[in-house]
Amino acid sequence: MQNNKKVSTIFKALSDVNRLEILSLLKEGEKCACVLLEKMNMAQSTLSYHMKILSDSNLVESRQDGKWTHYKLSKAGSEYALSVLRAITTPKD
């Protein structure tokens, strides 16, 4: 079984409606934090809090461009999260 702490980080990231909405926005492609702030209608500190959790779970990748951070979904993180879900929910034969 995968590292339980790492697995719990993924599920923590997925357990908040705001973070799920952010992931939904990122499905459309890379977004600047400035765009996420506008679409989510939240304070920068609140967005930073949510993005840290999403980044720590490896579901989201980031890059700096000047003063703004740009975020996108992590293909590897998504594939890992799916494999974890399969591993913990698939009955043993």
C-alpha atoms as a PDB file:
ATOM      1  CA  MET A   1       0.000   0.000   0.000  1.00  0.00           C
ATOM      2  CA  GLN A   2       1.130   3.524  -0.723  1.00  0.00           C
ATOM      3  CA  ASN A   3       2.437   5.812   1.989  1.00  0.00           C
ATOM      4  CA  ASN A   4      -0.656   6.609   4.074  1.00  0.00           C
ATOM      5  CA  LYS A   5       0.461  10.186   4.801  1.00  0.00           C
ATOM      6  CA  LYS A   6       0.868  10.893   1.084  1.00  0.00           C
ATOM      7  CA  VAL A   7      -2.515   9.304   0.373  1.00  0.00           C
ATOM      8  CA  SER A   8      -4.251  11.337   3.083  1.00  0.00           C
ATOM      9  CA  THR A   9      -2.777  14.522   1.563  1.00  0.00           C
ATOM     10  CA  ILE A  10      -4.500  13.711  -1.728  1.00  0.00           C
ATOM     11  CA  PHE A  11      -7.853  13.084  -0.084  1.00  0.00           C
ATOM     12  CA  LYS A  12      -7.516  16.248   2.014  1.00  0.00           C
ATOM     13  CA  ALA A  13      -7.001  18.194  -1.209  1.00  0.00           C
ATOM     14  CA  LEU A  14     -10.146  16.666  -2.702  1.00  0.00           C
ATOM     15  CA  SER A  15     -12.313  17.172   0.387  1.00  0.00           C
ATOM     16  CA  ASP A  16     -13.063  20.881  -0.021  1.00  0.00           C
ATOM     17  CA  VAL A  17     -15.620  22.391  -2.394  1.00  0.00           C
ATOM     18  CA  ASN A  18     -13.368  25.377  -3.196  1.00  0.00           C
ATOM     19  CA  ARG A  19     -10.459  23.141  -4.149  1.00  0.00           C
ATOM     20  CA  LEU A  20     -12.746  21.010  -6.305  1.00  0.00           C
ATOM     21  CA  GLU A  21     -13.882  24.179  -8.086  1.00  0.00           C
ATOM     22  CA  ILE A  22     -10.257  25.228  -8.622  1.00  0.00           C
ATOM     23  CA  LEU A  23      -9.465  21.807 -10.103  1.00  0.00           C
ATOM     24  CA  SER A  24     -12.467  22.174 -12.376  1.00  0.00           C
ATOM     25  CA  LEU A  25     -11.188  25.544 -13.610  1.00  0.00           C
ATOM     26  CA  LEU A  26      -7.731  24.089 -14.207  1.00  0.00           C
ATOM     27  CA  LYS A  27      -9.203  21.324 -16.372  1.00  0.00           C
ATOM     28  CA  GLU A  28      -9.574  24.072 -19.017  1.00  0.00           C
ATOM     29  CA  GLY A  29      -5.800  24.626 -18.952  1.00  0.00           C
ATOM     30  CA  GLU A  30      -3.141  26.608 -17.123  1.00  0.00           C
ATOM     31  CA  LYS A  31      -4.436  29.626 -15.205  1.00  0.00           C
ATOM     32  CA  CYS A  32      -2.756  32.607 -13.613  1.00  0.00           C
ATOM     33  CA  ALA A  33      -3.513  33.091  -9.923  1.00  0.00           C
ATOM     34  CA  CYS A  34      -5.005  36.445 -10.949  1.00  0.00           C
ATOM     35  CA  VAL A  35      -7.621  34.616 -13.066  1.00  0.00           C
ATOM     36  CA  LEU A  36      -8.372  32.136 -10.286  1.00  0.00           C
ATOM     37  CA  LEU A  37      -8.801  35.011  -7.828  1.00  0.00           C
ATOM     38  CA  GLU A  38     -11.343  36.655 -10.096  1.00  0.00           C
ATOM     39  CA  LYS A  39     -13.281  33.485 -10.893  1.00  0.00           C
ATOM     40  CA  MET A  40     -13.274  32.189  -7.314  1.00  0.00           C
ATOM     41  CA  ASN A  41     -14.070  35.589  -5.771  1.00  0.00           C
ATOM     42  CA  MET A  42     -11.789  35.021  -2.790  1.00  0.00           C
ATOM     43  CA  ALA A  43      -8.942  36.818  -1.053  1.00  0.00           C
ATOM     44  CA  GLN A  44      -5.402  36.165  -2.259  1.00  0.00           C
ATOM     45  CA  SER A  45      -4.474  34.646   1.113  1.00  0.00           C
ATOM     46  CA  THR A  46      -7.391  32.205   0.849  1.00  0.00           C
ATOM     47  CA  LEU A  47      -6.418  31.196  -2.684  1.00  0.00           C
ATOM     48  CA  SER A  48      -2.797  30.726  -1.568  1.00  0.00           C
ATOM     49  CA  TYR A  49      -3.977  28.449   1.248  1.00  0.00           C
ATOM     50  CA  HIS A  50      -5.950  26.255  -1.151  1.00  0.00           C
ATOM     51  CA  MET A  51      -3.208  26.212  -3.792  1.00  0.00           C
ATOM     52  CA  LYS A  52      -0.619  25.117  -1.209  1.00  0.00           C
ATOM     53  CA  ILE A  53      -2.789  22.129  -0.294  1.00  0.00           C
ATOM     54  CA  LEU A  54      -3.338  21.261  -3.963  1.00  0.00           C
ATOM     55  CA  SER A  55       0.385  21.643  -4.710  1.00  0.00           C
ATOM     56  CA  ASP A  56       1.418  19.580  -1.668  1.00  0.00           C
ATOM     57  CA  SER A  57      -0.857  16.793  -2.901  1.00  0.00           C
ATOM     58  CA  ASN A  58       0.897  16.923  -6.305  1.00  0.00           C
ATOM     59  CA  LEU A  59      -2.450  17.368  -8.070  1.00  0.00           C
ATOM     60  CA  VAL A  60      -1.345  20.822  -9.273  1.00  0.00           C
ATOM     61  CA  GLU A  61       1.944  22.171 -10.646  1.00  0.00           C
ATOM     62  CA  SER A  62       3.002  25.807 -10.552  1.00  0.00           C
ATOM     63  CA  ARG A  63       5.426  28.162 -12.257  1.00  0.00           C
ATOM     64  CA  GLN A  64       6.344  31.786 -11.601  1.00  0.00           C
ATOM     65  CA  ASP A  65       5.925  34.459 -14.261  1.00  0.00           C
ATOM     66  CA  GLY A  66       6.883  37.822 -12.847  1.00  0.00           C
ATOM     67  CA  LYS A  67       4.829  38.515  -9.742  1.00  0.00           C
ATOM     68  CA  TRP A  68       2.151  35.953 -10.623  1.00  0.00           C
ATOM     69  CA  THR A  69       2.074  32.210 -10.198  1.00  0.00           C
ATOM     70  CA  HIS A  70       0.499  30.085 -12.918  1.00  0.00           C
ATOM     71  CA  TYR A  71      -1.107  26.753 -12.068  1.00  0.00           C
ATOM     72  CA  LYS A  72      -2.013  23.666 -14.060  1.00  0.00           C
ATOM     73  CA  LEU A  73      -3.156  20.137 -13.345  1.00  0.00           C
ATOM     74  CA  SER A  74      -0.389  17.601 -12.884  1.00  0.00           C
ATOM     75  CA  LYS A  75      -0.833  14.594 -15.150  1.00  0.00           C
ATOM     76  CA  ALA A  76       1.424  12.461 -12.944  1.00  0.00           C
ATOM     77  CA  GLY A  77      -0.388  13.586  -9.788  1.00  0.00           C
ATOM     78  CA  SER A  78      -3.761  12.826 -11.314  1.00  0.00           C
ATOM     79  CA  GLU A  79      -2.640   9.366 -12.431  1.00  0.00           C
ATOM     80  CA  TYR A  80      -1.221   8.633  -8.984  1.00  0.00           C
ATOM     81  CA  ALA A  81      -4.447   9.749  -7.263  1.00  0.00           C
ATOM     82  CA  LEU A  82      -6.466   7.456  -9.540  1.00  0.00           C
ATOM     83  CA  SER A  83      -4.147   4.522  -8.857  1.00  0.00           C
ATOM     84  CA  VAL A  84      -4.452   5.096  -5.103  1.00  0.00           C
ATOM     85  CA  LEU A  85      -8.239   5.195  -5.312  1.00  0.00           C
ATOM     86  CA  ARG A  86      -8.246   1.953  -7.304  1.00  0.00           C
ATOM     87  CA  ALA A  87      -5.847   0.304  -4.848  1.00  0.00           C
ATOM     88  CA  ILE A  88      -7.903   1.116  -1.761  1.00  0.00           C
ATOM     89  CA  THR A  89     -11.335   0.409  -3.261  1.00  0.00           C
ATOM     90  CA  THR A  90     -10.709  -2.704  -5.347  1.00  0.00           C
ATOM     91  CA  PRO A  91     -11.601  -5.885  -3.445  1.00  0.00           C
ATOM     92  CA  LYS A  92      -8.973  -8.603  -3.258  1.00  0.00           C
ATOM     93  CA  ASP A  93      -9.986 -11.786  -5.028  1.00  0.00           C
END
